[in-house]
PDB file of all heavy atoms in Angstrom:
ATOM      1  N   ILE A   1     -34.434 -25.289  97.296  1.00  0.00           N
ATOM      2  CA  ILE A   1     -34.351 -26.003  98.563  1.00  0.00           C
ATOM      3  C   ILE A   1     -35.737 -26.412  99.020  1.00  0.00           C
ATOM      4  O   ILE A   1     -35.948 -27.502  99.541  1.00  0.00           O
ATOM      5  CB  ILE A   1     -33.662 -25.129  99.630  1.00  0.00           C
ATOM      6  CG1 ILE A   1     -32.214 -24.856  99.212  1.00  0.00           C
ATOM      7  CG2 ILE A   1     -33.688 -25.810 100.984  1.00  0.00           C
ATOM      8  CD1 ILE A   1     -31.468 -23.927 100.137  1.00  0.00           C
ATOM      9  N   LEU A   2     -36.714 -25.515  98.825  1.00  0.00           N
ATOM     10  CA  LEU A   2     -38.088 -25.819  99.207  1.00  0.00           C
ATOM     11  C   LEU A   2     -38.589 -27.032  98.441  1.00  0.00           C
ATOM     12  O   LEU A   2     -39.189 -27.943  99.007  1.00  0.00           O
ATOM     13  CB  LEU A   2     -38.985 -24.611  98.952  1.00  0.00           C
ATOM     14  CG  LEU A   2     -40.476 -24.784  99.300  1.00  0.00           C
ATOM     15  CD1 LEU A   2     -40.629 -25.109 100.776  1.00  0.00           C
ATOM     16  CD2 LEU A   2     -41.241 -23.526  98.940  1.00  0.00           C
ATOM     17  N   ARG A   3     -38.338 -27.073  97.127  1.00  0.00           N
ATOM     18  CA  ARG A   3     -38.775 -28.216  96.332  1.00  0.00           C
ATOM     19  C   ARG A   3     -38.090 -29.491  96.810  1.00  0.00           C
ATOM     20  O   ARG A   3     -38.695 -30.563  96.845  1.00  0.00           O
ATOM     21  CB  ARG A   3     -38.461 -27.980  94.851  1.00  0.00           C
ATOM     22  CG  ARG A   3     -39.340 -26.909  94.209  1.00  0.00           C
ATOM     23  CD  ARG A   3     -39.277 -27.012  92.689  1.00  0.00           C
ATOM     24  NE  ARG A   3     -37.941 -26.836  92.171  1.00  0.00           N
ATOM     25  CZ  ARG A   3     -37.435 -25.644  91.851  1.00  0.00           C
ATOM     26  NH1 ARG A   3     -38.142 -24.549  92.018  1.00  0.00           N
ATOM     27  NH2 ARG A   3     -36.217 -25.555  91.368  1.00  0.00           N
ATOM     28  N   HIS A   4     -36.818 -29.370  97.183  1.00  0.00           N
ATOM     29  CA  HIS A   4     -36.092 -30.526  97.700  1.00  0.00           C
ATOM     30  C   HIS A   4     -36.733 -31.038  98.982  1.00  0.00           C
ATOM     31  O   HIS A   4     -36.897 -32.238  99.173  1.00  0.00           O
ATOM     32  CB  HIS A   4     -34.635 -30.147  97.966  1.00  0.00           C
ATOM     33  CG  HIS A   4     -33.873 -31.188  98.727  1.00  0.00           C
ATOM     34  ND1 HIS A   4     -33.468 -32.381  98.170  1.00  0.00           N
ATOM     35  CD2 HIS A   4     -33.468 -31.209 100.028  1.00  0.00           C
ATOM     36  CE1 HIS A   4     -32.824 -33.098  99.084  1.00  0.00           C
ATOM     37  NE2 HIS A   4     -32.818 -32.420 100.206  1.00  0.00           N
ATOM     38  N   ARG A   5     -37.128 -30.104  99.864  1.00  0.00           N
ATOM     39  CA  ARG A   5     -37.741 -30.496 101.127  1.00  0.00           C
ATOM     40  C   ARG A   5     -39.073 -31.194 100.897  1.00  0.00           C
ATOM     41  O   ARG A   5     -39.397 -32.170 101.560  1.00  0.00           O
ATOM     42  CB  ARG A   5     -37.950 -29.265 102.015  1.00  0.00           C
ATOM     43  CG  ARG A   5     -36.720 -28.810 102.751  1.00  0.00           C
ATOM     44  CD  ARG A   5     -36.370 -29.788 103.853  1.00  0.00           C
ATOM     45  NE  ARG A   5     -35.780 -29.083 104.961  1.00  0.00           N
ATOM     46  CZ  ARG A   5     -35.788 -29.522 106.219  1.00  0.00           C
ATOM     47  NH1 ARG A   5     -36.356 -30.652 106.497  1.00  0.00           N
ATOM     48  NH2 ARG A   5     -35.230 -28.833 107.169  1.00  0.00           N
ATOM     49  N   ILE A   6     -39.881 -30.662  99.948  1.00  0.00           N
ATOM     50  CA  ILE A   6     -41.165 -31.284  99.670  1.00  0.00           C
ATOM     51  C   ILE A   6     -40.961 -32.671  99.074  1.00  0.00           C
ATOM     52  O   ILE A   6     -41.667 -33.618  99.411  1.00  0.00           O
ATOM     53  CB  ILE A   6     -42.006 -30.392  98.734  1.00  0.00           C
ATOM     54  CG1 ILE A   6     -42.362 -29.080  99.466  1.00  0.00           C
ATOM     55  CG2 ILE A   6     -43.273 -31.095  98.291  1.00  0.00           C
ATOM     56  CD1 ILE A   6     -43.059 -28.063  98.593  1.00  0.00           C
ATOM     57  N   SER A   7     -39.980 -32.812  98.197  1.00  0.00           N
ATOM     58  CA  SER A   7     -39.672 -34.128  97.643  1.00  0.00           C
ATOM     59  C   SER A   7     -39.251 -35.080  98.751  1.00  0.00           C
ATOM     60  O   SER A   7     -39.617 -36.258  98.767  1.00  0.00           O
ATOM     61  CB  SER A   7     -38.553 -34.016  96.600  1.00  0.00           C
ATOM     62  OG  SER A   7     -38.959 -33.202  95.520  1.00  0.00           O
ATOM     63  N   PHE A   8     -38.484 -34.538  99.701  1.00  0.00           N
ATOM     64  CA  PHE A   8     -38.061 -35.354 100.839  1.00  0.00           C
ATOM     65  C   PHE A   8     -39.261 -35.804 101.650  1.00  0.00           C
ATOM     66  O   PHE A   8     -39.335 -36.939 102.120  1.00  0.00           O
ATOM     67  CB  PHE A   8     -37.099 -34.548 101.715  1.00  0.00           C
ATOM     68  CG  PHE A   8     -36.779 -35.211 103.026  1.00  0.00           C
ATOM     69  CD1 PHE A   8     -35.970 -36.330 103.061  1.00  0.00           C
ATOM     70  CD2 PHE A   8     -37.287 -34.719 104.209  1.00  0.00           C
ATOM     71  CE1 PHE A   8     -35.678 -36.947 104.261  1.00  0.00           C
ATOM     72  CE2 PHE A   8     -37.003 -35.328 105.413  1.00  0.00           C
ATOM     73  CZ  PHE A   8     -36.200 -36.448 105.438  1.00  0.00           C
ATOM     74  N   LEU A   9     -40.243 -34.917 101.815  1.00  0.00           N
ATOM     75  CA  LEU A   9     -41.457 -35.272 102.542  1.00  0.00           C
ATOM     76  C   LEU A   9     -42.155 -36.447 101.869  1.00  0.00           C
ATOM     77  O   LEU A   9     -42.542 -37.416 102.522  1.00  0.00           O
ATOM     78  CB  LEU A   9     -42.402 -34.074 102.599  1.00  0.00           C
ATOM     79  CG  LEU A   9     -43.784 -34.346 103.220  1.00  0.00           C
ATOM     80  CD1 LEU A   9     -43.632 -34.624 104.706  1.00  0.00           C
ATOM     81  CD2 LEU A   9     -44.714 -33.181 103.000  1.00  0.00           C
ATOM     82  N   LEU A  10     -42.305 -36.377 100.543  1.00  0.00           N
ATOM     83  CA  LEU A  10     -42.982 -37.447  99.830  1.00  0.00           C
ATOM     84  C   LEU A  10     -42.212 -38.752  99.954  1.00  0.00           C
ATOM     85  O   LEU A  10     -42.798 -39.828 100.113  1.00  0.00           O
ATOM     86  CB  LEU A  10     -43.152 -37.058  98.355  1.00  0.00           C
ATOM     87  CG  LEU A  10     -44.042 -35.832  98.108  1.00  0.00           C
ATOM     88  CD1 LEU A  10     -44.030 -35.485  96.624  1.00  0.00           C
ATOM     89  CD2 LEU A  10     -45.465 -36.077  98.582  1.00  0.00           C
ATOM     90  N   LEU A  11     -40.885 -38.670  99.907  1.00  0.00           N
ATOM     91  CA  LEU A  11     -40.059 -39.859 100.071  1.00  0.00           C
ATOM     92  C   LEU A  11     -40.265 -40.454 101.454  1.00  0.00           C
ATOM     93  O   LEU A  11     -40.416 -41.666 101.615  1.00  0.00           O
ATOM     94  CB  LEU A  11     -38.582 -39.507  99.857  1.00  0.00           C
ATOM     95  CG  LEU A  11     -37.567 -40.625 100.162  1.00  0.00           C
ATOM     96  CD1 LEU A  11     -37.802 -41.819  99.243  1.00  0.00           C
ATOM     97  CD2 LEU A  11     -36.153 -40.095 100.012  1.00  0.00           C
ATOM     98  N   THR A  12     -40.303 -39.604 102.464  1.00  0.00           N
ATOM     99  CA  THR A  12     -40.452 -40.091 103.821  1.00  0.00           C
ATOM    100  C   THR A  12     -41.835 -40.672 104.055  1.00  0.00           C
ATOM    101  O   THR A  12     -41.996 -41.624 104.821  1.00  0.00           O
ATOM    102  CB  THR A  12     -40.178 -38.957 104.833  1.00  0.00           C
ATOM    103  OG1 THR A  12     -38.985 -38.293 104.466  1.00  0.00           O
ATOM    104  CG2 THR A  12     -40.028 -39.505 106.238  1.00  0.00           C
ATOM    105  N   VAL A  13     -42.849 -40.107 103.392  1.00  0.00           N
ATOM    106  CA  VAL A  13     -44.182 -40.706 103.463  1.00  0.00           C
ATOM    107  C   VAL A  13     -44.130 -42.148 102.978  1.00  0.00           C
ATOM    108  O   VAL A  13     -44.729 -43.045 103.569  1.00  0.00           O
ATOM    109  CB  VAL A  13     -45.198 -39.890 102.629  1.00  0.00           C
ATOM    110  CG1 VAL A  13     -46.494 -40.664 102.489  1.00  0.00           C
ATOM    111  CG2 VAL A  13     -45.484 -38.553 103.290  1.00  0.00           C
ATOM    112  N   CYS A  14     -43.403 -42.356 101.904  1.00  0.00           N
ATOM    113  CA  CYS A  14     -43.244 -43.727 101.405  1.00  0.00           C
ATOM    114  C   CYS A  14     -42.562 -44.605 102.449  1.00  0.00           C
ATOM    115  O   CYS A  14     -42.960 -45.752 102.682  1.00  0.00           O
ATOM    116  CB  CYS A  14     -42.438 -43.734 100.109  1.00  0.00           C
ATOM    117  SG  CYS A  14     -43.269 -42.914  98.732  1.00  0.00           S
ATOM    118  N   LEU A  15     -41.535 -44.060 103.093  1.00  0.00           N
ATOM    119  CA  LEU A  15     -40.822 -44.831 104.115  1.00  0.00           C
ATOM    120  C   LEU A  15     -41.714 -45.171 105.290  1.00  0.00           C
ATOM    121  O   LEU A  15     -41.521 -46.184 105.962  1.00  0.00           O
ATOM    122  CB  LEU A  15     -39.599 -44.049 104.603  1.00  0.00           C
ATOM    123  CG  LEU A  15     -38.446 -43.881 103.609  1.00  0.00           C
ATOM    124  CD1 LEU A  15     -37.361 -43.010 104.224  1.00  0.00           C
ATOM    125  CD2 LEU A  15     -37.882 -45.225 103.198  1.00  0.00           C
ATOM    126  N   LEU A  16     -42.714 -44.323 105.535  1.00  0.00           N
ATOM    127  CA  LEU A  16     -43.624 -44.556 106.644  1.00  0.00           C
ATOM    128  C   LEU A  16     -44.313 -45.899 106.515  1.00  0.00           C
ATOM    129  O   LEU A  16     -44.678 -46.525 107.497  1.00  0.00           O
ATOM    130  CB  LEU A  16     -44.665 -43.427 106.683  1.00  0.00           C
ATOM    131  CG  LEU A  16     -45.742 -43.456 107.771  1.00  0.00           C
ATOM    132  CD1 LEU A  16     -45.085 -43.391 109.138  1.00  0.00           C
ATOM    133  CD2 LEU A  16     -46.715 -42.316 107.579  1.00  0.00           C
ATOM    134  N   PHE A  17     -44.498 -46.357 105.300  1.00  0.00           N
ATOM    135  CA  PHE A  17     -45.196 -47.610 105.072  1.00  0.00           C
ATOM    136  C   PHE A  17     -44.261 -48.810 105.150  1.00  0.00           C
ATOM    137  O   PHE A  17     -44.713 -49.943 105.070  1.00  0.00           O
ATOM    138  CB  PHE A  17     -45.884 -47.590 103.704  1.00  0.00           C
ATOM    139  CG  PHE A  17     -47.030 -46.636 103.628  1.00  0.00           C
ATOM    140  CD1 PHE A  17     -46.825 -45.305 103.320  1.00  0.00           C
ATOM    141  CD2 PHE A  17     -48.321 -47.062 103.888  1.00  0.00           C
ATOM    142  CE1 PHE A  17     -47.877 -44.425 103.246  1.00  0.00           C
ATOM    143  CE2 PHE A  17     -49.384 -46.194 103.829  1.00  0.00           C
ATOM    144  CZ  PHE A  17     -49.169 -44.860 103.507  1.00  0.00           C
ATOM    145  N   LEU A  18     -42.972 -48.568 105.280  1.00  0.00           N
ATOM    146  CA  LEU A  18     -42.016 -49.668 105.242  1.00  0.00           C
ATOM    147  C   LEU A  18     -41.509 -49.991 106.631  1.00  0.00           C
ATOM    148  O   LEU A  18     -40.960 -49.138 107.316  1.00  0.00           O
ATOM    149  CB  LEU A  18     -40.824 -49.311 104.343  1.00  0.00           C
ATOM    150  CG  LEU A  18     -41.172 -49.024 102.872  1.00  0.00           C
ATOM    151  CD1 LEU A  18     -39.900 -48.638 102.130  1.00  0.00           C
ATOM    152  CD2 LEU A  18     -41.822 -50.233 102.217  1.00  0.00           C
ATOM    153  N   PRO A  19     -41.655 -51.221 107.098  1.00  0.00           N
ATOM    154  CA  PRO A  19     -41.179 -51.581 108.426  1.00  0.00           C
ATOM    155  C   PRO A  19     -39.669 -51.602 108.526  1.00  0.00           C
ATOM    156  O   PRO A  19     -39.107 -51.337 109.562  1.00  0.00           O
ATOM    157  CB  PRO A  19     -41.766 -52.984 108.639  1.00  0.00           C
ATOM    158  CG  PRO A  19     -41.982 -53.535 107.261  1.00  0.00           C
ATOM    159  CD  PRO A  19     -42.325 -52.342 106.412  1.00  0.00           C
ATOM    160  N   SER A  20     -38.989 -51.919 107.456  1.00  0.00           N
ATOM    161  CA  SER A  20     -37.525 -51.881 107.467  1.00  0.00           C
ATOM    162  C   SER A  20     -37.031 -51.868 106.036  1.00  0.00           C
ATOM    163  O   SER A  20     -37.695 -52.331 105.119  1.00  0.00           O
ATOM    164  CB  SER A  20     -36.934 -53.098 108.213  1.00  0.00           C
ATOM    165  OG  SER A  20     -37.081 -54.262 107.444  1.00  0.00           O
ATOM    166  N   ALA A  21     -35.851 -51.322 105.880  1.00  0.00           N
ATOM    167  CA  ALA A  21     -35.294 -51.221 104.529  1.00  0.00           C
ATOM    168  C   ALA A  21     -35.032 -52.597 103.926  1.00  0.00           C
ATOM    169  O   ALA A  21     -35.020 -52.761 102.711  1.00  0.00           O
ATOM    170  CB  ALA A  21     -34.008 -50.407 104.563  1.00  0.00           C
ATOM    171  N   ALA A  22     -34.824 -53.584 104.780  1.00  0.00           N
ATOM    172  CA  ALA A  22     -34.480 -54.915 104.290  1.00  0.00           C
ATOM    173  C   ALA A  22     -35.715 -55.783 104.048  1.00  0.00           C
ATOM    174  O   ALA A  22     -35.619 -56.922 103.627  1.00  0.00           O
ATOM    175  CB  ALA A  22     -33.557 -55.617 105.286  1.00  0.00           C
ATOM    176  N   SER A  23     -36.904 -55.239 104.324  1.00  0.00           N
ATOM    177  CA  SER A  23     -38.123 -56.032 104.214  1.00  0.00           C
ATOM    178  C   SER A  23     -38.367 -56.454 102.773  1.00  0.00           C
ATOM    179  O   SER A  23     -38.233 -55.683 101.842  1.00  0.00           O
ATOM    180  CB  SER A  23     -39.320 -55.230 104.732  1.00  0.00           C
ATOM    181  OG  SER A  23     -40.507 -55.963 104.533  1.00  0.00           O
ATOM    182  N   ALA A  24     -38.784 -57.733 102.599  1.00  0.00           N
ATOM    183  CA  ALA A  24     -39.088 -58.238 101.265  1.00  0.00           C
ATOM    184  C   ALA A  24     -40.582 -58.457 101.087  1.00  0.00           C
ATOM    185  O   ALA A  24     -41.012 -59.080 100.126  1.00  0.00           O
ATOM    186  CB  ALA A  24     -38.344 -59.546 101.023  1.00  0.00           C
ATOM    187  N   VAL A  25     -41.391 -57.988 102.030  1.00  0.00           N
ATOM    188  CA  VAL A  25     -42.826 -58.225 101.974  1.00  0.00           C
ATOM    189  C   VAL A  25     -43.540 -57.001 101.423  1.00  0.00           C
ATOM    190  O   VAL A  25     -43.032 -55.887 101.459  1.00  0.00           O
ATOM    191  CB  VAL A  25     -43.384 -58.570 103.373  1.00  0.00           C
ATOM    192  CG1 VAL A  25     -42.723 -59.813 103.920  1.00  0.00           C
ATOM    193  CG2 VAL A  25     -43.200 -57.398 104.341  1.00  0.00           C
TER     194      VAL A  25
END
């Protein structure tokens, strides 16, 4: 579960850079 949470953190860091899921820029 801990590894899953850390993976989730890294995924969310990536999302931090995205203004929206539909963005094509």
